[in-house]
Amino acid sequence: MVIACYSIDSSVSLANIQDVWIPEVKQTKPDVPIVLVATKSDLKDQLSPDKIVTPKEEKRVANAIGAIGHVQASALTTENVKTIFDICIAGYENRGEKKKKIKRMFGLGSTH
């Protein structure tokens, strides 16, 4: 399981997930499940909308890297921290099943 994290206030960090880190992981572990996590979600209300990664951008990258889930979380407020681990556990327990089932289990058709 790979938890690929980027900062919600940095589109560069999200681009690096897709362009640098996931290709490197896929070279050695092509079938490893990936969970895409936006960190610092508590900043969404403090920054102007043009300074944060949009849910549309997040979903595009999640689909492009084949993530089993994507979630926005905050260590400061603990928002969605448990959800990250729940997605990872479900991904492990259902590793032979399709990604769609795992996404349905957590309502990940939209951004969290």
PDB file of N, CA and C in Angstrom:
ATOM      1  N   MET A   1       0.853  -1.165   0.000  1.00  0.00           N
ATOM      2  CA  MET A   1       0.000   0.000   0.000  1.00  0.00           C
ATOM      3  C   MET A   1       0.900   1.230   0.000  1.00  0.00           C
ATOM      4  N   VAL A   2       0.581   2.166  -0.877  1.00  0.00           N
ATOM      5  CA  VAL A   2       1.286   3.444  -0.910  1.00  0.00           C
ATOM      6  C   VAL A   2       0.280   4.544  -0.601  1.00  0.00           C
ATOM      7  N   ILE A   3       0.605   5.365   0.386  1.00  0.00           N
ATOM      8  CA  ILE A   3      -0.183   6.558   0.670  1.00  0.00           C
ATOM      9  C   ILE A   3       0.600   7.719   0.089  1.00  0.00           C
ATOM     10  N   ALA A   4       0.111   8.235  -1.034  1.00  0.00           N
ATOM     11  CA  ALA A   4       0.794   9.319  -1.741  1.00  0.00           C
ATOM     12  C   ALA A   4       0.202  10.646  -1.282  1.00  0.00           C
ATOM     13  N   CYS A   5       0.998  11.434  -0.573  1.00  0.00           N
ATOM     14  CA  CYS A   5       0.509  12.682   0.018  1.00  0.00           C
ATOM     15  C   CYS A   5       1.032  13.899  -0.729  1.00  0.00           C
ATOM     16  N   TYR A   6       0.164  14.885  -0.836  1.00  0.00           N
ATOM     17  CA  TYR A   6       0.554  16.183  -1.381  1.00  0.00           C
ATOM     18  C   TYR A   6      -0.120  17.256  -0.549  1.00  0.00           C
ATOM     19  N   SER A   7       0.410  18.453  -0.609  1.00  0.00           N
ATOM     20  CA  SER A   7      -0.153  19.561   0.149  1.00  0.00           C
ATOM     21  C   SER A   7      -1.270  20.217  -0.649  1.00  0.00           C
ATOM     22  N   ILE A   8      -2.418  20.403  -0.007  1.00  0.00           N
ATOM     23  CA  ILE A   8      -3.587  20.963  -0.678  1.00  0.00           C
ATOM     24  C   ILE A   8      -3.328  22.375  -1.213  1.00  0.00           C
ATOM     25  N   ASP A   9      -2.302  23.036  -0.694  1.00  0.00           N
ATOM     26  CA  ASP A   9      -1.980  24.386  -1.155  1.00  0.00           C
ATOM     27  C   ASP A   9      -0.817  24.413  -2.141  1.00  0.00           C
ATOM     28  N   SER A  10      -0.520  23.254  -2.761  1.00  0.00           N
ATOM     29  CA  SER A  10       0.597  23.195  -3.706  1.00  0.00           C
ATOM     30  C   SER A  10       0.267  22.284  -4.890  1.00  0.00           C
ATOM     31  N   SER A  11      -0.075  22.890  -6.001  1.00  0.00           N
ATOM     32  CA  SER A  11      -0.333  22.092  -7.208  1.00  0.00           C
ATOM     33  C   SER A  11       0.941  21.413  -7.692  1.00  0.00           C
ATOM     34  N   VAL A  12       2.097  21.980  -7.369  1.00  0.00           N
ATOM     35  CA  VAL A  12       3.371  21.363  -7.734  1.00  0.00           C
ATOM     36  C   VAL A  12       3.535  20.022  -7.020  1.00  0.00           C
ATOM     37  N   SER A  13       3.166  19.970  -5.731  1.00  0.00           N
ATOM     38  CA  SER A  13       3.306  18.711  -5.002  1.00  0.00           C
ATOM     39  C   SER A  13       2.370  17.649  -5.563  1.00  0.00           C
ATOM     40  N   LEU A  14       1.178  18.048  -6.035  1.00  0.00           N
ATOM     41  CA  LEU A  14       0.268  17.089  -6.667  1.00  0.00           C
ATOM     42  C   LEU A  14       0.846  16.613  -7.995  1.00  0.00           C
ATOM     43  N   ALA A  15       1.396  17.526  -8.776  1.00  0.00           N
ATOM     44  CA  ALA A  15       2.011  17.149 -10.058  1.00  0.00           C
ATOM     45  C   ALA A  15       3.172  16.184  -9.832  1.00  0.00           C
ATOM     46  N   ASN A  16       3.938  16.393  -8.766  1.00  0.00           N
ATOM     47  CA  ASN A  16       5.061  15.498  -8.477  1.00  0.00           C
ATOM     48  C   ASN A  16       4.602  14.084  -8.145  1.00  0.00           C
ATOM     49  N   ILE A  17       3.422  13.952  -7.536  1.00  0.00           N
ATOM     50  CA  ILE A  17       2.872  12.617  -7.274  1.00  0.00           C
ATOM     51  C   ILE A  17       2.740  11.867  -8.591  1.00  0.00           C
ATOM     52  N   GLN A  18       2.113  12.529  -9.570  1.00  0.00           N
ATOM     53  CA  GLN A  18       1.851  11.885 -10.857  1.00  0.00           C
ATOM     54  C   GLN A  18       3.112  11.742 -11.706  1.00  0.00           C
ATOM     55  N   ASP A  19       3.962  12.753 -11.706  1.00  0.00           N
ATOM     56  CA  ASP A  19       5.097  12.771 -12.629  1.00  0.00           C
ATOM     57  C   ASP A  19       6.366  12.131 -12.090  1.00  0.00           C
ATOM     58  N   VAL A  20       6.530  12.106 -10.756  1.00  0.00           N
ATOM     59  CA  VAL A  20       7.778  11.624 -10.174  1.00  0.00           C
ATOM     60  C   VAL A  20       7.578  10.380  -9.309  1.00  0.00           C
ATOM     61  N   TRP A  21       6.757  10.518  -8.273  1.00  0.00           N
ATOM     62  CA  TRP A  21       6.711   9.475  -7.248  1.00  0.00           C
ATOM     63  C   TRP A  21       5.997   8.200  -7.684  1.00  0.00           C
ATOM     64  N   ILE A  22       4.845   8.317  -8.295  1.00  0.00           N
ATOM     65  CA  ILE A  22       4.123   7.102  -8.696  1.00  0.00           C
ATOM     66  C   ILE A  22       4.866   6.342  -9.791  1.00  0.00           C
ATOM     67  N   PRO A  23       5.425   7.001 -10.809  1.00  0.00           N
ATOM     68  CA  PRO A  23       6.219   6.236 -11.775  1.00  0.00           C
ATOM     69  C   PRO A  23       7.382   5.483 -11.126  1.00  0.00           C
ATOM     70  N   GLU A  24       8.004   6.097 -10.122  1.00  0.00           N
ATOM     71  CA  GLU A  24       9.103   5.424  -9.429  1.00  0.00           C
ATOM     72  C   GLU A  24       8.592   4.194  -8.674  1.00  0.00           C
ATOM     73  N   VAL A  25       7.465   4.326  -8.004  1.00  0.00           N
ATOM     74  CA  VAL A  25       6.876   3.191  -7.280  1.00  0.00           C
ATOM     75  C   VAL A  25       6.498   2.089  -8.259  1.00  0.00           C
ATOM     76  N   LYS A  26       5.868   2.456  -9.370  1.00  0.00           N
ATOM     77  CA  LYS A  26       5.377   1.461 -10.337  1.00  0.00           C
ATOM     78  C   LYS A  26       6.510   0.678 -11.003  1.00  0.00           C
ATOM     79  N   GLN A  27       7.722   1.243 -11.009  1.00  0.00           N
ATOM     80  CA  GLN A  27       8.860   0.509 -11.572  1.00  0.00           C
ATOM     81  C   GLN A  27       9.156  -0.759 -10.782  1.00  0.00           C
ATOM     82  N   THR A  28       9.022  -0.673  -9.466  1.00  0.00           N
ATOM     83  CA  THR A  28       9.349  -1.834  -8.642  1.00  0.00           C
ATOM     84  C   THR A  28       8.117  -2.585  -8.148  1.00  0.00           C
ATOM     85  N   LYS A  29       7.008  -1.891  -7.992  1.00  0.00           N
ATOM     86  CA  LYS A  29       5.766  -2.498  -7.490  1.00  0.00           C
ATOM     87  C   LYS A  29       4.598  -2.062  -8.367  1.00  0.00           C
ATOM     88  N   PRO A  30       4.477  -2.618  -9.562  1.00  0.00           N
ATOM     89  CA  PRO A  30       3.457  -2.129 -10.500  1.00  0.00           C
ATOM     90  C   PRO A  30       2.011  -2.329 -10.043  1.00  0.00           C
ATOM     91  N   ASP A  31       1.758  -3.274  -9.172  1.00  0.00           N
ATOM     92  CA  ASP A  31       0.387  -3.561  -8.759  1.00  0.00           C
ATOM     93  C   ASP A  31       0.046  -3.071  -7.354  1.00  0.00           C
ATOM     94  N   VAL A  32       0.912  -2.273  -6.766  1.00  0.00           N
ATOM     95  CA  VAL A  32       0.670  -1.811  -5.403  1.00  0.00           C
ATOM     96  C   VAL A  32      -0.534  -0.858  -5.381  1.00  0.00           C
ATOM     97  N   PRO A  33      -1.453  -1.047  -4.418  1.00  0.00           N
ATOM     98  CA  PRO A  33      -2.581  -0.123  -4.289  1.00  0.00           C
ATOM     99  C   PRO A  33      -2.093   1.254  -3.820  1.00  0.00           C
ATOM    100  N   ILE A  34      -2.739   2.298  -4.322  1.00  0.00           N
ATOM    101  CA  ILE A  34      -2.345   3.672  -4.008  1.00  0.00           C
ATOM    102  C   ILE A  34      -3.548   4.426  -3.454  1.00  0.00           C
ATOM    103  N   VAL A  35      -3.321   5.175  -2.387  1.00  0.00           N
ATOM    104  CA  VAL A  35      -4.320   6.091  -1.844  1.00  0.00           C
ATOM    105  C   VAL A  35      -3.729   7.495  -1.963  1.00  0.00           C
ATOM    106  N   LEU A  36      -4.447   8.391  -2.617  1.00  0.00           N
ATOM    107  CA  LEU A  36      -4.000   9.770  -2.788  1.00  0.00           C
ATOM    108  C   LEU A  36      -4.569  10.614  -1.654  1.00  0.00           C
ATOM    109  N   VAL A  37      -3.690  11.306  -0.924  1.00  0.00           N
ATOM    110  CA  VAL A  37      -4.116  12.081   0.238  1.00  0.00           C
ATOM    111  C   VAL A  37      -3.655  13.528   0.109  1.00  0.00           C
ATOM    112  N   ALA A  38      -4.629  14.437   0.188  1.00  0.00           N
ATOM    113  CA  ALA A  38      -4.322  15.863   0.274  1.00  0.00           C
ATOM    114  C   ALA A  38      -4.161  16.202   1.744  1.00  0.00           C
ATOM    115  N   THR A  39      -3.016  16.738   2.106  1.00  0.00           N
ATOM    116  CA  THR A  39      -2.783  17.136   3.487  1.00  0.00           C
ATOM    117  C   THR A  39      -3.151  18.611   3.675  1.00  0.00           C
ATOM    118  N   LYS A  40      -3.264  19.021   4.904  1.00  0.00           N
ATOM    119  CA  LYS A  40      -3.562  20.411   5.274  1.00  0.00           C
ATOM    120  C   LYS A  40      -4.948  20.866   4.813  1.00  0.00           C
ATOM    121  N   SER A  41      -5.926  19.981   4.832  1.00  0.00           N
ATOM    122  CA  SER A  41      -7.265  20.372   4.381  1.00  0.00           C
ATOM    123  C   SER A  41      -7.857  21.485   5.241  1.00  0.00           C
ATOM    124  N   ASP A  42      -7.320  21.673   6.435  1.00  0.00           N
ATOM    125  CA  ASP A  42      -7.795  22.758   7.296  1.00  0.00           C
ATOM    126  C   ASP A  42      -7.494  24.135   6.703  1.00  0.00           C
ATOM    127  N   LEU A  43      -6.594  24.206   5.730  1.00  0.00           N
ATOM    128  CA  LEU A  43      -6.256  25.493   5.097  1.00  0.00           C
ATOM    129  C   LEU A  43      -7.271  25.938   4.049  1.00  0.00           C
ATOM    130  N   LYS A  44      -8.173  25.041   3.646  1.00  0.00           N
ATOM    131  CA  LYS A  44      -9.137  25.377   2.591  1.00  0.00           C
ATOM    132  C   LYS A  44      -9.912  26.652   2.892  1.00  0.00           C
ATOM    133  N   ASP A  45     -10.296  26.847   4.126  1.00  0.00           N
ATOM    134  CA  ASP A  45     -11.095  28.010   4.496  1.00  0.00           C
ATOM    135  C   ASP A  45     -10.247  29.258   4.747  1.00  0.00           C
ATOM    136  N   GLN A  46      -8.941  29.073   4.848  1.00  0.00           N
ATOM    137  CA  GLN A  46      -8.060  30.191   5.153  1.00  0.00           C
ATOM    138  C   GLN A  46      -7.395  30.792   3.922  1.00  0.00           C
ATOM    139  N   LEU A  47      -7.362  30.049   2.829  1.00  0.00           N
ATOM    140  CA  LEU A  47      -6.694  30.511   1.617  1.00  0.00           C
ATOM    141  C   LEU A  47      -7.710  30.835   0.534  1.00  0.00           C
ATOM    142  N   SER A  48      -7.321  31.659  -0.393  1.00  0.00           N
ATOM    143  CA  SER A  48      -8.210  31.960  -1.510  1.00  0.00           C
ATOM    144  C   SER A  48      -8.294  30.731  -2.411  1.00  0.00           C
ATOM    145  N   PRO A  49      -9.422  30.551  -3.069  1.00  0.00           N
ATOM    146  CA  PRO A  49      -9.630  29.349  -3.888  1.00  0.00           C
ATOM    147  C   PRO A  49      -8.544  29.119  -4.955  1.00  0.00           C
ATOM    148  N   ASP A  50      -7.942  30.190  -5.449  1.00  0.00           N
ATOM    149  CA  ASP A  50      -6.905  30.010  -6.472  1.00  0.00           C
ATOM    150  C   ASP A  50      -5.583  29.506  -5.886  1.00  0.00           C
ATOM    151  N   LYS A  51      -5.492  29.402  -4.564  1.00  0.00           N
ATOM    152  CA  LYS A  51      -4.271  28.921  -3.909  1.00  0.00           C
ATOM    153  C   LYS A  51      -4.339  27.452  -3.504  1.00  0.00           C
ATOM    154  N   ILE A  52      -5.506  26.818  -3.701  1.00  0.00           N
ATOM    155  CA  ILE A  52      -5.626  25.413  -3.302  1.00  0.00           C
ATOM    156  C   ILE A  52      -5.896  24.529  -4.518  1.00  0.00           C
ATOM    157  N   VAL A  53      -5.524  23.278  -4.391  1.00  0.00           N
ATOM    158  CA  VAL A  53      -5.786  22.290  -5.430  1.00  0.00           C
ATOM    159  C   VAL A  53      -7.288  22.016  -5.435  1.00  0.00           C
ATOM    160  N   THR A  54      -7.890  22.051  -6.605  1.00  0.00           N
ATOM    161  CA  THR A  54      -9.334  21.833  -6.697  1.00  0.00           C
ATOM    162  C   THR A  54      -9.672  20.344  -6.609  1.00  0.00           C
ATOM    163  N   PRO A  55     -10.885  20.031  -6.167  1.00  0.00           N
ATOM    164  CA  PRO A  55     -11.318  18.636  -6.152  1.00  0.00           C
ATOM    165  C   PRO A  55     -11.245  18.005  -7.549  1.00  0.00           C
ATOM    166  N   LYS A  56     -11.495  18.795  -8.577  1.00  0.00           N
ATOM    167  CA  LYS A  56     -11.421  18.283  -9.956  1.00  0.00           C
ATOM    168  C   LYS A  56      -9.993  17.857 -10.306  1.00  0.00           C
ATOM    169  N   GLU A  57      -9.010  18.679  -9.920  1.00  0.00           N
ATOM    170  CA  GLU A  57      -7.604  18.327 -10.166  1.00  0.00           C
ATOM    171  C   GLU A  57      -7.227  17.065  -9.395  1.00  0.00           C
ATOM    172  N   GLU A  58      -7.671  17.004  -8.145  1.00  0.00           N
ATOM    173  CA  GLU A  58      -7.376  15.838  -7.309  1.00  0.00           C
ATOM    174  C   GLU A  58      -7.951  14.561  -7.918  1.00  0.00           C
ATOM    175  N   LYS A  59      -9.196  14.636  -8.342  1.00  0.00           N
ATOM    176  CA  LYS A  59      -9.844  13.462  -8.932  1.00  0.00           C
ATOM    177  C   LYS A  59      -9.166  13.044 -10.230  1.00  0.00           C
ATOM    178  N   ARG A  60      -8.752  14.021 -11.039  1.00  0.00           N
ATOM    179  CA  ARG A  60      -8.070  13.717 -12.304  1.00  0.00           C
ATOM    180  C   ARG A  60      -6.787  12.933 -12.030  1.00  0.00           C
ATOM    181  N   VAL A  61      -5.991  13.404 -11.077  1.00  0.00           N
ATOM    182  CA  VAL A  61      -4.734  12.724 -10.757  1.00  0.00           C
ATOM    183  C   VAL A  61      -5.015  11.358 -10.128  1.00  0.00           C
ATOM    184  N   ALA A  62      -5.987  11.275  -9.244  1.00  0.00           N
ATOM    185  CA  ALA A  62      -6.335   9.985  -8.630  1.00  0.00           C
ATOM    186  C   ALA A  62      -6.674   8.956  -9.704  1.00  0.00           C
ATOM    187  N   ASN A  63      -7.455   9.361 -10.685  1.00  0.00           N
ATOM    188  CA  ASN A  63      -7.801   8.453 -11.779  1.00  0.00           C
ATOM    189  C   ASN A  63      -6.574   8.117 -12.621  1.00  0.00           C
ATOM    190  N   ALA A  64      -5.752   9.117 -12.895  1.00  0.00           N
ATOM    191  CA  ALA A  64      -4.565   8.903 -13.742  1.00  0.00           C
ATOM    192  C   ALA A  64      -3.568   7.935 -13.112  1.00  0.00           C
ATOM    193  N   ILE A  65      -3.436   7.974 -11.791  1.00  0.00           N
ATOM    194  CA  ILE A  65      -2.469   7.081 -11.134  1.00  0.00           C
ATOM    195  C   ILE A  65      -3.095   5.763 -10.709  1.00  0.00           C
ATOM    196  N   GLY A  66      -4.403   5.627 -10.929  1.00  0.00           N
ATOM    197  CA  GLY A  66      -5.083   4.386 -10.570  1.00  0.00           C
ATOM    198  C   GLY A  66      -5.269   4.208  -9.077  1.00  0.00           C
ATOM    199  N   ALA A  67      -5.480   5.305  -8.367  1.00  0.00           N
ATOM    200  CA  ALA A  67      -5.656   5.231  -6.912  1.00  0.00           C
ATOM    201  C   ALA A  67      -6.939   4.495  -6.549  1.00  0.00           C
ATOM    202  N   ILE A  68      -6.890   3.745  -5.455  1.00  0.00           N
ATOM    203  CA  ILE A  68      -8.095   3.061  -4.976  1.00  0.00           C
ATOM    204  C   ILE A  68      -8.985   4.024  -4.201  1.00  0.00           C
ATOM    205  N   GLY A  69      -8.433   5.180  -3.859  1.00  0.00           N
ATOM    206  CA  GLY A  69      -9.196   6.197  -3.152  1.00  0.00           C
ATOM    207  C   GLY A  69      -8.430   7.494  -3.081  1.00  0.00           C
ATOM    208  N   HIS A  70      -9.160   8.565  -2.845  1.00  0.00           N
ATOM    209  CA  HIS A  70      -8.523   9.860  -2.615  1.00  0.00           C
ATOM    210  C   HIS A  70      -9.312  10.590  -1.552  1.00  0.00           C
ATOM    211  N   VAL A  71      -8.590  11.299  -0.703  1.00  0.00           N
ATOM    212  CA  VAL A  71      -9.231  11.962   0.432  1.00  0.00           C
ATOM    213  C   VAL A  71      -8.431  13.202   0.814  1.00  0.00           C
ATOM    214  N   GLN A  72      -9.142  14.205   1.303  1.00  0.00           N
ATOM    215  CA  GLN A  72      -8.501  15.392   1.848  1.00  0.00           C
ATOM    216  C   GLN A  72      -8.521  15.264   3.361  1.00  0.00           C
ATOM    217  N   ALA A  73      -7.368  15.490   3.998  1.00  0.00           N
ATOM    218  CA  ALA A  73      -7.259  15.268   5.433  1.00  0.00           C
ATOM    219  C   ALA A  73      -6.444  16.360   6.103  1.00  0.00           C
ATOM    220  N   SER A  74      -6.602  16.430   7.417  1.00  0.00           N
ATOM    221  CA  SER A  74      -5.849  17.390   8.217  1.00  0.00           C
ATOM    222  C   SER A  74      -5.328  16.716   9.469  1.00  0.00           C
ATOM    223  N   ALA A  75      -4.027  16.738   9.652  1.00  0.00           N
ATOM    224  CA  ALA A  75      -3.463  16.230  10.899  1.00  0.00           C
ATOM    225  C   ALA A  75      -3.788  17.180  12.041  1.00  0.00           C
ATOM    226  N   LEU A  76      -3.893  18.474  11.739  1.00  0.00           N
ATOM    227  CA  LEU A  76      -4.187  19.469  12.768  1.00  0.00           C
ATOM    228  C   LEU A  76      -5.564  19.264  13.389  1.00  0.00           C
ATOM    229  N   THR A  77      -6.566  19.060  12.541  1.00  0.00           N
ATOM    230  CA  THR A  77      -7.935  18.881  13.046  1.00  0.00           C
ATOM    231  C   THR A  77      -8.347  17.419  13.119  1.00  0.00           C
ATOM    232  N   THR A  78      -7.547  16.540  12.612  1.00  0.00           N
ATOM    233  CA  THR A  78      -7.762  15.089  12.482  1.00  0.00           C
ATOM    234  C   THR A  78      -8.880  14.746  11.494  1.00  0.00           C
ATOM    235  N   GLU A  79      -9.329  15.719  10.715  1.00  0.00           N
ATOM    236  CA  GLU A  79     -10.367  15.463   9.701  1.00  0.00           C
ATOM    237  C   GLU A  79      -9.888  14.381   8.727  1.00  0.00           C
ATOM    238  N   ASN A  80     -10.672  13.334   8.603  1.00  0.00           N
ATOM    239  CA  ASN A  80     -10.471  12.233   7.657  1.00  0.00           C
ATOM    240  C   ASN A  80      -9.212  11.393   7.877  1.00  0.00           C
ATOM    241  N   VAL A  81      -8.527  11.573   9.000  1.00  0.00           N
ATOM    242  CA  VAL A  81      -7.345  10.746   9.258  1.00  0.00           C
ATOM    243  C   VAL A  81      -7.744   9.281   9.381  1.00  0.00           C
ATOM    244  N   LYS A  82      -8.801   9.006  10.119  1.00  0.00           N
ATOM    245  CA  LYS A  82      -9.275   7.628  10.252  1.00  0.00           C
ATOM    246  C   LYS A  82      -9.706   7.076   8.891  1.00  0.00           C
ATOM    247  N   THR A  83     -10.307   7.908   8.061  1.00  0.00           N
ATOM    248  CA  THR A  83     -10.753   7.476   6.733  1.00  0.00           C
ATOM    249  C   THR A  83      -9.585   6.968   5.901  1.00  0.00           C
ATOM    250  N   ILE A  84      -8.451   7.623   6.004  1.00  0.00           N
ATOM    251  CA  ILE A  84      -7.261   7.176   5.263  1.00  0.00           C
ATOM    252  C   ILE A  84      -6.939   5.731   5.633  1.00  0.00           C
ATOM    253  N   PHE A  85      -6.896   5.459   6.915  1.00  0.00           N
ATOM    254  CA  PHE A  85      -6.566   4.108   7.366  1.00  0.00           C
ATOM    255  C   PHE A  85      -7.667   3.109   7.011  1.00  0.00           C
ATOM    256  N   ASP A  86      -8.915   3.544   7.075  1.00  0.00           N
ATOM    257  CA  ASP A  86     -10.016   2.669   6.677  1.00  0.00           C
ATOM    258  C   ASP A  86      -9.910   2.281   5.203  1.00  0.00           C
ATOM    259  N   ILE A  87      -9.555   3.241   4.364  1.00  0.00           N
ATOM    260  CA  ILE A  87      -9.383   2.951   2.928  1.00  0.00           C
ATOM    261  C   ILE A  87      -8.238   1.968   2.734  1.00  0.00           C
ATOM    262  N   CYS A  88      -7.149   2.179   3.450  1.00  0.00           N
ATOM    263  CA  CYS A  88      -6.002   1.262   3.331  1.00  0.00           C
ATOM    264  C   CYS A  88      -6.353  -0.150   3.786  1.00  0.00           C
ATOM    265  N   ILE A  89      -7.063  -0.253   4.891  1.00  0.00           N
ATOM    266  CA  ILE A  89      -7.465  -1.574   5.390  1.00  0.00           C
ATOM    267  C   ILE A  89      -8.387  -2.250   4.390  1.00  0.00           C
ATOM    268  N   ALA A  90      -9.367  -1.504   3.873  1.00  0.00           N
ATOM    269  CA  ALA A  90     -10.287  -2.073   2.881  1.00  0.00           C
ATOM    270  C   ALA A  90      -9.524  -2.471   1.618  1.00  0.00           C
ATOM    271  N   GLY A  91      -8.571  -1.671   1.223  1.00  0.00           N
ATOM    272  CA  GLY A  91      -7.761  -1.998   0.054  1.00  0.00           C
ATOM    273  C   GLY A  91      -6.970  -3.272   0.248  1.00  0.00           C
ATOM    274  N   TYR A  92      -6.457  -3.457   1.452  1.00  0.00           N
ATOM    275  CA  TYR A  92      -5.717  -4.679   1.751  1.00  0.00           C
ATOM    276  C   TYR A  92      -6.653  -5.885   1.808  1.00  0.00           C
ATOM    277  N   GLU A  93      -7.754  -5.728   2.516  1.00  0.00           N
ATOM    278  CA  GLU A  93      -8.696  -6.840   2.663  1.00  0.00           C
ATOM    279  C   GLU A  93      -9.338  -7.231   1.339  1.00  0.00           C
ATOM    280  N   ASN A  94      -9.493  -6.291   0.434  1.00  0.00           N
ATOM    281  CA  ASN A  94     -10.154  -6.540  -0.851  1.00  0.00           C
ATOM    282  C   ASN A  94      -9.170  -6.440  -2.009  1.00  0.00           C
ATOM    283  N   ARG A  95      -7.909  -6.779  -1.752  1.00  0.00           N
ATOM    284  CA  ARG A  95      -6.865  -6.579  -2.764  1.00  0.00           C
ATOM    285  C   ARG A  95      -7.101  -7.347  -4.054  1.00  0.00           C
ATOM    286  N   GLY A  96      -7.887  -8.384  -4.029  1.00  0.00           N
ATOM    287  CA  GLY A  96      -8.175  -9.125  -5.245  1.00  0.00           C
ATOM    288  C   GLY A  96      -9.413  -8.621  -5.969  1.00  0.00           C
ATOM    289  N   GLU A  97     -10.108  -7.669  -5.365  1.00  0.00           N
ATOM    290  CA  GLU A  97     -11.358  -7.176  -5.952  1.00  0.00           C
ATOM    291  C   GLU A  97     -11.130  -5.851  -6.661  1.00  0.00           C
ATOM    292  N   LYS A  98     -12.131  -5.433  -7.396  1.00  0.00           N
ATOM    293  CA  LYS A  98     -12.012  -4.222  -8.195  1.00  0.00           C
ATOM    294  C   LYS A  98     -11.988  -2.963  -7.335  1.00  0.00           C
ATOM    295  N   LYS A  99     -11.312  -1.937  -7.864  1.00  0.00           N
ATOM    296  CA  LYS A  99     -11.219  -0.650  -7.182  1.00  0.00           C
ATOM    297  C   LYS A  99     -12.589  -0.024  -6.974  1.00  0.00           C
ATOM    298  N   LYS A 100     -13.506  -0.251  -7.887  1.00  0.00           N
ATOM    299  CA  LYS A 100     -14.826   0.360  -7.785  1.00  0.00           C
ATOM    300  C   LYS A 100     -15.532  -0.041  -6.493  1.00  0.00           C
ATOM    301  N   LYS A 101     -15.370  -1.304  -6.081  1.00  0.00           N
ATOM    302  CA  LYS A 101     -16.021  -1.759  -4.854  1.00  0.00           C
ATOM    303  C   LYS A 101     -15.476  -0.999  -3.658  1.00  0.00           C
ATOM    304  N   ILE A 102     -14.171  -0.810  -3.588  1.00  0.00           N
ATOM    305  CA  ILE A 102     -13.557  -0.096  -2.473  1.00  0.00           C
ATOM    306  C   ILE A 102     -14.028   1.361  -2.478  1.00  0.00           C
ATOM    307  N   LYS A 103     -14.070   1.972  -3.646  1.00  0.00           N
ATOM    308  CA  LYS A 103     -14.528   3.355  -3.741  1.00  0.00           C
ATOM    309  C   LYS A 103     -15.977   3.482  -3.273  1.00  0.00           C
ATOM    310  N   ARG A 104     -16.819   2.517  -3.633  1.00  0.00           N
ATOM    311  CA  ARG A 104     -18.229   2.545  -3.194  1.00  0.00           C
ATOM    312  C   ARG A 104     -18.334   2.418  -1.683  1.00  0.00           C
ATOM    313  N   MET A 105     -17.470   1.592  -1.081  1.00  0.00           N
ATOM    314  CA  MET A 105     -17.517   1.375   0.356  1.00  0.00           C
ATOM    315  C   MET A 105     -17.330   2.677   1.123  1.00  0.00           C
ATOM    316  N   PHE A 106     -16.546   3.592   0.570  1.00  0.00           N
ATOM    317  CA  PHE A 106     -16.228   4.841   1.259  1.00  0.00           C
ATOM    318  C   PHE A 106     -16.841   6.055   0.590  1.00  0.00           C
ATOM    319  N   GLY A 107     -17.723   5.839  -0.379  1.00  0.00           N
ATOM    320  CA  GLY A 107     -18.369   6.964  -1.043  1.00  0.00           C
ATOM    321  C   GLY A 107     -17.372   7.864  -1.738  1.00  0.00           C
ATOM    322  N   LEU A 108     -16.381   7.264  -2.380  1.00  0.00           N
ATOM    323  CA  LEU A 108     -15.317   8.061  -2.980  1.00  0.00           C
ATOM    324  C   LEU A 108     -15.570   8.411  -4.437  1.00  0.00           C
ATOM    325  N   GLY A 109     -16.818   8.478  -4.815  1.00  0.00           N
ATOM    326  CA  GLY A 109     -17.125   8.996  -6.142  1.00  0.00           C
ATOM    327  C   GLY A 109     -16.892  10.492  -6.192  1.00  0.00           C
ATOM    328  N   SER A 110     -16.891  11.116  -5.016  1.00  0.00           N
ATOM    329  CA  SER A 110     -16.614  12.549  -4.918  1.00  0.00           C
ATOM    330  C   SER A 110     -15.467  12.749  -3.944  1.00  0.00           C
ATOM    331  N   THR A 111     -14.936  13.948  -3.884  1.00  0.00           N
ATOM    332  CA  THR A 111     -13.805  14.249  -3.021  1.00  0.00           C
ATOM    333  C   THR A 111     -14.245  14.363  -1.586  1.00  0.00           C
ATOM    334  N   HIS A 112     -13.410  13.821  -0.680  1.00  0.00           N
ATOM    335  CA  HIS A 112     -13.648  13.934   0.766  1.00  0.00           C
ATOM    336  C   HIS A 112     -12.649  14.891   1.348  1.00  0.00           C
TER     337      HIS A 112
END
